[in-house]
């Protein structure tokens, strides 16, 4: 399954400038998700990070991976229209290669463990063939009727 920006916005509540997933290229529930973030010089964070050597902040790379993971958990647990998925925790992250304007960040998500009210995924972010970052990320699942 492939998702465009309109489909993504139906799943996660983030909007500009905090929506960090541009497209889902592949989504196989309970197997794998591949998403992309096109990194543009027009990103607001490049104004101050860093003015003379622009590098995408690591925390935003993790956020992009978390957003992709949220979509993956949404489909893997068949939550369409029923639940909200929240990013809970980054258990560990490593940053191996800088992400700069003009790069396309390809994010791959796979399952670590899916539980009734939680999910844990492994996320890897690539620029071309180079691994830029990786993290294990946890999510909580809340029924929207549980207010």
N, C-alpha and C. Protein backbone atom coordinates (compact mmCIF):
# COMPACT_ATOMS: atom_id res chain seq x y z
N UNK A 1 0.84 -1.17 0.00
CA UNK A 1 0.00 0.00 0.00
C UNK A 1 0.89 1.24 0.00
N UNK A 2 0.45 2.25 -0.70
CA UNK A 2 1.16 3.52 -0.82
C UNK A 2 0.25 4.62 -0.28
N UNK A 3 0.80 5.57 0.45
CA UNK A 3 0.01 6.66 1.01
C UNK A 3 0.58 8.01 0.58
N UNK A 4 -0.30 8.89 0.16
CA UNK A 4 0.09 10.25 -0.18
C UNK A 4 -0.19 11.15 1.03
N UNK A 5 0.17 12.41 0.93
CA UNK A 5 0.08 13.32 2.07
C UNK A 5 -1.35 13.43 2.62
N UNK A 6 -2.36 13.43 1.77
CA UNK A 6 -3.75 13.50 2.25
C UNK A 6 -4.10 12.29 3.10
N UNK A 7 -3.62 11.12 2.70
CA UNK A 7 -3.87 9.89 3.46
C UNK A 7 -3.16 9.95 4.82
N UNK A 8 -1.93 10.45 4.82
CA UNK A 8 -1.14 10.56 6.05
C UNK A 8 -1.83 11.49 7.03
N UNK A 9 -2.35 12.61 6.55
CA UNK A 9 -3.00 13.58 7.43
C UNK A 9 -4.30 13.05 8.03
N UNK A 10 -4.88 12.01 7.47
CA UNK A 10 -6.07 11.38 8.05
C UNK A 10 -5.68 10.48 9.23
N UNK A 11 -4.41 10.10 9.31
CA UNK A 11 -3.96 9.17 10.35
C UNK A 11 -3.29 9.88 11.51
N UNK A 12 -2.38 10.81 11.21
CA UNK A 12 -1.68 11.51 12.30
C UNK A 12 -2.09 12.99 12.29
N UNK A 13 -2.17 13.61 13.48
CA UNK A 13 -2.69 14.97 13.56
C UNK A 13 -1.70 16.08 13.21
N UNK A 14 -0.44 15.76 12.98
CA UNK A 14 0.57 16.78 12.73
C UNK A 14 0.30 17.53 11.44
N UNK A 15 0.66 18.82 11.45
CA UNK A 15 0.52 19.67 10.27
C UNK A 15 1.77 20.53 10.17
N UNK A 16 1.93 21.23 9.04
CA UNK A 16 3.06 22.10 8.83
C UNK A 16 3.20 23.04 10.02
N UNK A 17 4.38 23.25 10.53
CA UNK A 17 5.68 22.76 10.05
C UNK A 17 6.14 21.48 10.74
N UNK A 18 5.23 20.78 11.43
CA UNK A 18 5.67 19.63 12.20
C UNK A 18 5.33 18.29 11.57
N UNK A 19 4.66 18.27 10.44
CA UNK A 19 4.43 17.02 9.73
C UNK A 19 5.70 16.69 8.96
N UNK A 20 6.34 15.60 9.31
CA UNK A 20 7.67 15.29 8.77
C UNK A 20 7.70 14.06 7.86
N UNK A 21 6.54 13.59 7.44
CA UNK A 21 6.46 12.48 6.48
C UNK A 21 5.78 13.01 5.23
N UNK A 22 6.43 12.86 4.09
CA UNK A 22 5.86 13.35 2.83
C UNK A 22 5.08 12.27 2.08
N UNK A 23 5.50 11.01 2.24
CA UNK A 23 4.86 9.93 1.48
C UNK A 23 5.23 8.61 2.12
N UNK A 24 4.31 7.66 2.05
CA UNK A 24 4.61 6.28 2.43
C UNK A 24 4.70 5.50 1.12
N UNK A 25 5.87 4.93 0.86
CA UNK A 25 6.10 4.19 -0.38
C UNK A 25 5.58 2.77 -0.30
N UNK A 26 5.64 2.20 0.90
CA UNK A 26 5.27 0.80 1.09
C UNK A 26 4.77 0.61 2.51
N UNK A 27 3.66 -0.06 2.65
CA UNK A 27 3.16 -0.40 3.98
C UNK A 27 2.62 -1.82 3.93
N UNK A 28 3.32 -2.71 4.59
CA UNK A 28 2.88 -4.09 4.75
C UNK A 28 2.65 -4.29 6.24
N UNK A 29 1.39 -4.20 6.69
CA UNK A 29 1.11 -4.33 8.12
C UNK A 29 1.79 -5.56 8.73
N UNK A 30 2.34 -5.35 9.92
CA UNK A 30 3.05 -6.39 10.69
C UNK A 30 4.34 -6.86 10.04
N UNK A 31 4.79 -6.19 8.99
CA UNK A 31 6.05 -6.55 8.34
C UNK A 31 6.99 -5.35 8.24
N UNK A 32 6.55 -4.33 7.48
CA UNK A 32 7.47 -3.24 7.16
C UNK A 32 6.71 -2.03 6.62
N UNK A 33 7.26 -0.85 6.90
CA UNK A 33 6.76 0.39 6.31
C UNK A 33 7.98 1.16 5.81
N UNK A 34 7.86 1.77 4.65
CA UNK A 34 8.91 2.62 4.10
C UNK A 34 8.28 3.97 3.78
N UNK A 35 8.82 5.03 4.39
CA UNK A 35 8.30 6.39 4.19
C UNK A 35 9.46 7.30 3.80
N UNK A 36 9.13 8.48 3.26
CA UNK A 36 10.17 9.45 2.90
C UNK A 36 9.84 10.83 3.44
N UNK A 37 10.91 11.53 3.75
CA UNK A 37 10.88 12.95 4.12
C UNK A 37 11.85 13.64 3.19
N UNK A 38 11.35 14.56 2.38
CA UNK A 38 12.22 15.34 1.51
C UNK A 38 12.71 16.54 2.32
N UNK A 39 14.00 16.64 2.47
CA UNK A 39 14.60 17.68 3.30
C UNK A 39 14.94 18.87 2.42
N UNK A 40 14.25 19.99 2.66
CA UNK A 40 14.40 21.18 1.84
C UNK A 40 15.14 22.28 2.60
N UNK A 41 15.86 23.11 1.87
CA UNK A 41 16.52 24.27 2.48
C UNK A 41 15.49 25.22 3.10
N UNK A 42 14.23 25.10 2.68
CA UNK A 42 13.17 25.97 3.20
C UNK A 42 12.63 25.54 4.56
N UNK A 43 13.13 24.45 5.12
CA UNK A 43 12.68 24.01 6.44
C UNK A 43 13.00 25.09 7.46
N UNK A 44 12.05 25.38 8.34
CA UNK A 44 12.23 26.45 9.32
C UNK A 44 13.41 26.21 10.26
N UNK A 45 13.69 24.96 10.59
CA UNK A 45 14.76 24.69 11.55
C UNK A 45 16.14 25.01 11.01
N UNK A 46 16.30 25.08 9.69
CA UNK A 46 17.62 25.40 9.13
C UNK A 46 18.04 26.85 9.38
N UNK A 47 17.09 27.71 9.72
CA UNK A 47 17.42 29.11 10.01
C UNK A 47 18.39 29.18 11.18
N UNK A 48 18.21 28.32 12.17
CA UNK A 48 19.07 28.39 13.34
C UNK A 48 19.89 27.15 13.61
N UNK A 49 19.82 26.13 12.75
CA UNK A 49 20.52 24.86 13.02
C UNK A 49 21.25 24.38 11.78
N UNK A 50 22.30 24.75 11.48
CA UNK A 50 23.11 25.87 11.93
C UNK A 50 23.25 26.79 10.74
N UNK A 51 23.25 28.12 10.92
CA UNK A 51 23.20 29.04 9.78
C UNK A 51 24.32 28.84 8.76
N UNK A 52 25.50 28.41 9.18
CA UNK A 52 26.62 28.28 8.23
C UNK A 52 26.89 26.84 7.81
N UNK A 53 26.21 25.90 8.44
CA UNK A 53 26.36 24.49 8.07
C UNK A 53 25.07 23.77 8.47
N UNK A 54 24.08 23.84 7.57
CA UNK A 54 22.76 23.31 7.88
C UNK A 54 22.79 21.79 8.06
N UNK A 55 22.26 21.35 9.22
CA UNK A 55 22.13 19.93 9.54
C UNK A 55 20.75 19.74 10.17
N UNK A 56 20.02 18.73 9.71
CA UNK A 56 18.71 18.45 10.30
C UNK A 56 18.93 17.98 11.74
N UNK A 57 18.23 18.58 12.71
CA UNK A 57 18.41 18.19 14.12
C UNK A 57 18.03 16.72 14.34
N UNK A 58 18.83 16.05 15.14
CA UNK A 58 18.58 14.64 15.44
C UNK A 58 17.21 14.40 16.03
N UNK A 59 16.75 15.30 16.87
CA UNK A 59 15.44 15.13 17.49
C UNK A 59 14.33 15.13 16.44
N UNK A 60 14.52 15.87 15.33
CA UNK A 60 13.52 15.88 14.27
C UNK A 60 13.61 14.64 13.39
N UNK A 61 14.80 14.08 13.28
CA UNK A 61 14.93 12.79 12.58
C UNK A 61 14.19 11.72 13.37
N UNK A 62 14.35 11.72 14.69
CA UNK A 62 13.62 10.77 15.54
C UNK A 62 12.11 11.02 15.43
N UNK A 63 11.69 12.28 15.40
CA UNK A 63 10.27 12.60 15.26
C UNK A 63 9.73 12.08 13.92
N UNK A 64 10.49 12.23 12.85
CA UNK A 64 10.05 11.70 11.55
C UNK A 64 9.91 10.18 11.62
N UNK A 65 10.87 9.52 12.27
CA UNK A 65 10.78 8.07 12.43
C UNK A 65 9.56 7.70 13.29
N UNK A 66 9.29 8.49 14.33
CA UNK A 66 8.13 8.22 15.20
C UNK A 66 6.82 8.40 14.42
N UNK A 67 6.73 9.42 13.57
CA UNK A 67 5.53 9.61 12.77
C UNK A 67 5.32 8.44 11.81
N UNK A 68 6.39 7.97 11.19
CA UNK A 68 6.29 6.80 10.31
C UNK A 68 5.88 5.57 11.13
N UNK A 69 6.45 5.44 12.32
CA UNK A 69 6.11 4.32 13.19
C UNK A 69 4.65 4.35 13.61
N UNK A 70 4.13 5.54 13.84
CA UNK A 70 2.73 5.72 14.20
C UNK A 70 1.82 5.18 13.09
N UNK A 71 2.14 5.51 11.87
CA UNK A 71 1.36 5.03 10.71
C UNK A 71 1.45 3.51 10.62
N UNK A 72 2.65 2.98 10.84
CA UNK A 72 2.85 1.53 10.79
C UNK A 72 2.02 0.82 11.86
N UNK A 73 2.05 1.31 13.10
CA UNK A 73 1.27 0.70 14.19
C UNK A 73 -0.22 0.82 13.89
N UNK A 74 -0.64 1.95 13.35
CA UNK A 74 -2.04 2.19 12.98
C UNK A 74 -2.56 1.09 12.05
N UNK A 75 -1.79 0.77 11.02
CA UNK A 75 -2.22 -0.27 10.08
C UNK A 75 -1.95 -1.67 10.61
N UNK A 76 -0.87 -1.88 11.31
CA UNK A 76 -0.55 -3.22 11.81
C UNK A 76 -1.56 -3.69 12.84
N UNK A 77 -2.11 -2.77 13.61
CA UNK A 77 -3.10 -3.13 14.63
C UNK A 77 -4.54 -2.88 14.15
N UNK A 78 -4.69 -2.54 12.86
CA UNK A 78 -6.00 -2.33 12.26
C UNK A 78 -6.84 -1.33 13.06
N UNK A 79 -6.27 -0.16 13.29
CA UNK A 79 -6.91 0.86 14.13
C UNK A 79 -7.74 1.88 13.35
N UNK A 80 -7.96 1.66 12.08
CA UNK A 80 -8.64 2.63 11.23
C UNK A 80 -9.90 3.20 11.88
N UNK A 81 -9.82 4.51 12.20
CA UNK A 81 -10.96 5.23 12.71
C UNK A 81 -11.35 4.94 14.15
N UNK A 82 -10.58 4.13 14.86
CA UNK A 82 -11.00 3.70 16.19
C UNK A 82 -10.15 4.25 17.33
N UNK A 83 -8.87 4.45 17.11
CA UNK A 83 -7.95 4.73 18.20
C UNK A 83 -6.98 5.85 17.82
N UNK A 84 -6.36 6.40 18.83
CA UNK A 84 -5.25 7.31 18.63
C UNK A 84 -3.97 6.60 19.03
N UNK A 85 -2.91 6.85 18.33
CA UNK A 85 -1.62 6.26 18.65
C UNK A 85 -0.69 7.38 19.09
N UNK A 86 -0.07 7.21 20.23
CA UNK A 86 0.82 8.23 20.79
C UNK A 86 2.24 7.71 20.85
N UNK A 87 3.18 8.57 20.50
CA UNK A 87 4.59 8.28 20.67
C UNK A 87 4.88 8.33 22.16
N UNK A 88 5.42 7.27 22.71
CA UNK A 88 5.69 7.19 24.14
C UNK A 88 7.15 7.37 24.50
N UNK A 89 8.01 6.63 23.82
CA UNK A 89 9.40 6.62 24.26
C UNK A 89 10.34 6.23 23.15
N UNK A 90 11.49 6.85 23.18
CA UNK A 90 12.61 6.43 22.35
C UNK A 90 13.49 5.65 23.30
N UNK A 91 13.68 4.38 23.03
CA UNK A 91 14.48 3.60 23.97
C UNK A 91 15.97 3.81 23.74
N UNK A 92 16.35 4.02 22.51
CA UNK A 92 17.75 4.30 22.21
C UNK A 92 17.84 4.77 20.77
N UNK A 93 18.66 5.76 20.52
CA UNK A 93 18.85 6.27 19.16
C UNK A 93 20.33 6.45 18.89
N UNK A 94 20.70 6.25 17.64
CA UNK A 94 22.09 6.49 17.21
C UNK A 94 22.04 7.32 15.94
N UNK A 95 22.95 8.27 15.86
CA UNK A 95 23.04 9.14 14.68
C UNK A 95 24.39 8.89 14.04
N UNK A 96 24.37 8.50 12.76
CA UNK A 96 25.58 8.02 12.10
C UNK A 96 26.03 8.86 10.91
N UNK A 97 25.11 9.66 10.37
CA UNK A 97 25.43 10.41 9.15
C UNK A 97 24.56 11.67 9.14
N UNK A 98 25.11 12.84 8.85
CA UNK A 98 24.30 14.06 8.86
C UNK A 98 23.26 14.07 7.74
N UNK A 99 22.15 14.73 8.01
CA UNK A 99 21.08 14.92 7.03
C UNK A 99 21.05 16.41 6.72
N UNK A 100 21.20 16.74 5.44
CA UNK A 100 21.34 18.14 5.03
C UNK A 100 20.32 18.49 3.95
N UNK A 101 20.13 19.80 3.67
CA UNK A 101 19.19 20.20 2.63
C UNK A 101 19.47 19.49 1.31
N UNK A 102 18.41 19.05 0.66
CA UNK A 102 18.52 18.33 -0.61
C UNK A 102 18.48 16.82 -0.44
N UNK A 103 18.68 16.34 0.79
CA UNK A 103 18.62 14.90 1.04
C UNK A 103 17.18 14.42 1.03
N UNK A 104 17.00 13.16 0.71
CA UNK A 104 15.73 12.49 0.93
C UNK A 104 15.97 11.44 2.00
N UNK A 105 15.26 11.60 3.09
CA UNK A 105 15.38 10.68 4.22
C UNK A 105 14.40 9.53 3.98
N UNK A 106 14.93 8.33 3.83
CA UNK A 106 14.08 7.15 3.64
C UNK A 106 14.02 6.43 4.98
N UNK A 107 12.83 6.26 5.50
CA UNK A 107 12.62 5.69 6.83
C UNK A 107 12.01 4.30 6.68
N UNK A 108 12.64 3.33 7.33
CA UNK A 108 12.14 1.95 7.33
C UNK A 108 11.74 1.57 8.75
N UNK A 109 10.54 1.03 8.89
CA UNK A 109 10.00 0.63 10.18
C UNK A 109 9.71 -0.86 10.15
N UNK A 110 10.13 -1.57 11.20
CA UNK A 110 9.80 -2.99 11.37
C UNK A 110 9.34 -3.22 12.80
N UNK A 111 8.65 -4.32 13.00
CA UNK A 111 8.09 -4.64 14.32
C UNK A 111 9.15 -5.18 15.26
N UNK A 112 9.13 -4.68 16.49
CA UNK A 112 9.84 -5.32 17.59
C UNK A 112 8.82 -6.15 18.36
N UNK A 113 7.70 -5.50 18.79
CA UNK A 113 6.65 -6.20 19.52
C UNK A 113 5.36 -5.37 19.47
N UNK A 114 4.25 -6.04 19.22
CA UNK A 114 2.95 -5.38 19.26
C UNK A 114 2.12 -6.01 20.38
N UNK A 115 1.63 -5.18 21.28
CA UNK A 115 0.81 -5.60 22.41
C UNK A 115 -0.58 -5.00 22.25
N UNK A 116 -1.56 -5.43 23.06
CA UNK A 116 -2.91 -4.88 22.90
C UNK A 116 -2.99 -3.35 23.01
N UNK A 117 -2.27 -2.74 23.92
CA UNK A 117 -2.35 -1.28 24.12
C UNK A 117 -1.02 -0.58 23.84
N UNK A 118 -0.09 -1.24 23.18
CA UNK A 118 1.22 -0.64 22.91
C UNK A 118 1.87 -1.31 21.70
N UNK A 119 2.86 -0.63 21.18
CA UNK A 119 3.64 -1.18 20.08
C UNK A 119 5.07 -0.69 20.18
N UNK A 120 6.01 -1.53 19.78
CA UNK A 120 7.42 -1.18 19.78
C UNK A 120 7.98 -1.51 18.41
N UNK A 121 8.66 -0.52 17.81
CA UNK A 121 9.19 -0.68 16.46
C UNK A 121 10.67 -0.34 16.42
N UNK A 122 11.33 -0.83 15.39
CA UNK A 122 12.71 -0.47 15.09
C UNK A 122 12.64 0.43 13.86
N UNK A 123 13.27 1.59 13.96
CA UNK A 123 13.26 2.56 12.87
C UNK A 123 14.68 2.80 12.38
N UNK A 124 14.84 2.85 11.07
CA UNK A 124 16.12 3.19 10.46
C UNK A 124 15.87 4.26 9.42
N UNK A 125 16.74 5.28 9.41
CA UNK A 125 16.63 6.37 8.46
C UNK A 125 17.88 6.39 7.59
N UNK A 126 17.68 6.38 6.29
CA UNK A 126 18.78 6.34 5.33
C UNK A 126 18.79 7.59 4.47
N UNK A 127 19.98 8.00 4.06
CA UNK A 127 20.18 8.97 2.99
C UNK A 127 20.92 8.19 1.91
N UNK A 128 20.22 7.92 0.82
CA UNK A 128 20.78 7.01 -0.17
C UNK A 128 20.95 5.65 0.48
N UNK A 129 22.15 5.09 0.40
CA UNK A 129 22.42 3.79 1.02
C UNK A 129 23.02 3.93 2.41
N UNK A 130 23.32 5.18 2.82
CA UNK A 130 23.97 5.40 4.12
C UNK A 130 22.94 5.45 5.24
N UNK A 131 23.20 4.69 6.29
CA UNK A 131 22.35 4.74 7.48
C UNK A 131 22.65 6.03 8.22
N UNK A 132 21.64 6.90 8.33
CA UNK A 132 21.82 8.20 8.99
C UNK A 132 21.48 8.11 10.47
N UNK A 133 20.45 7.32 10.81
CA UNK A 133 20.02 7.22 12.21
C UNK A 133 19.21 5.94 12.38
N UNK A 134 19.17 5.48 13.62
CA UNK A 134 18.32 4.34 13.96
C UNK A 134 17.84 4.51 15.40
N UNK A 135 16.65 3.97 15.67
CA UNK A 135 16.09 4.09 17.01
C UNK A 135 15.06 3.00 17.24
N UNK A 136 14.92 2.60 18.49
CA UNK A 136 13.80 1.76 18.91
C UNK A 136 12.80 2.72 19.55
N UNK A 137 11.53 2.61 19.13
CA UNK A 137 10.51 3.58 19.54
C UNK A 137 9.29 2.84 20.06
N UNK A 138 8.71 3.34 21.15
CA UNK A 138 7.51 2.76 21.73
C UNK A 138 6.31 3.67 21.57
N UNK A 139 5.14 3.06 21.43
CA UNK A 139 3.88 3.78 21.24
C UNK A 139 2.83 3.26 22.20
N UNK A 140 1.94 4.15 22.62
CA UNK A 140 0.76 3.77 23.38
C UNK A 140 -0.45 3.92 22.50
N UNK A 141 -1.43 3.05 22.69
CA UNK A 141 -2.65 3.10 21.89
C UNK A 141 -3.81 3.39 22.83
N UNK A 142 -4.53 4.45 22.54
CA UNK A 142 -5.64 4.88 23.40
C UNK A 142 -6.91 4.91 22.55
N UNK A 143 -7.94 4.28 23.04
CA UNK A 143 -9.23 4.34 22.36
C UNK A 143 -9.75 5.76 22.48
N UNK A 144 -10.17 6.38 21.39
CA UNK A 144 -10.62 7.76 21.44
C UNK A 144 -11.88 7.92 22.29
N UNK A 145 -12.54 6.82 22.62
CA UNK A 145 -13.70 6.88 23.51
C UNK A 145 -13.28 6.89 24.98
N UNK A 146 -11.97 6.67 25.28
CA UNK A 146 -11.45 6.64 26.67
C UNK A 146 -11.14 8.03 27.19
N UNK A 147 -12.00 8.98 27.08
CA UNK A 147 -11.68 10.35 27.49
C UNK A 147 -11.96 10.61 28.92
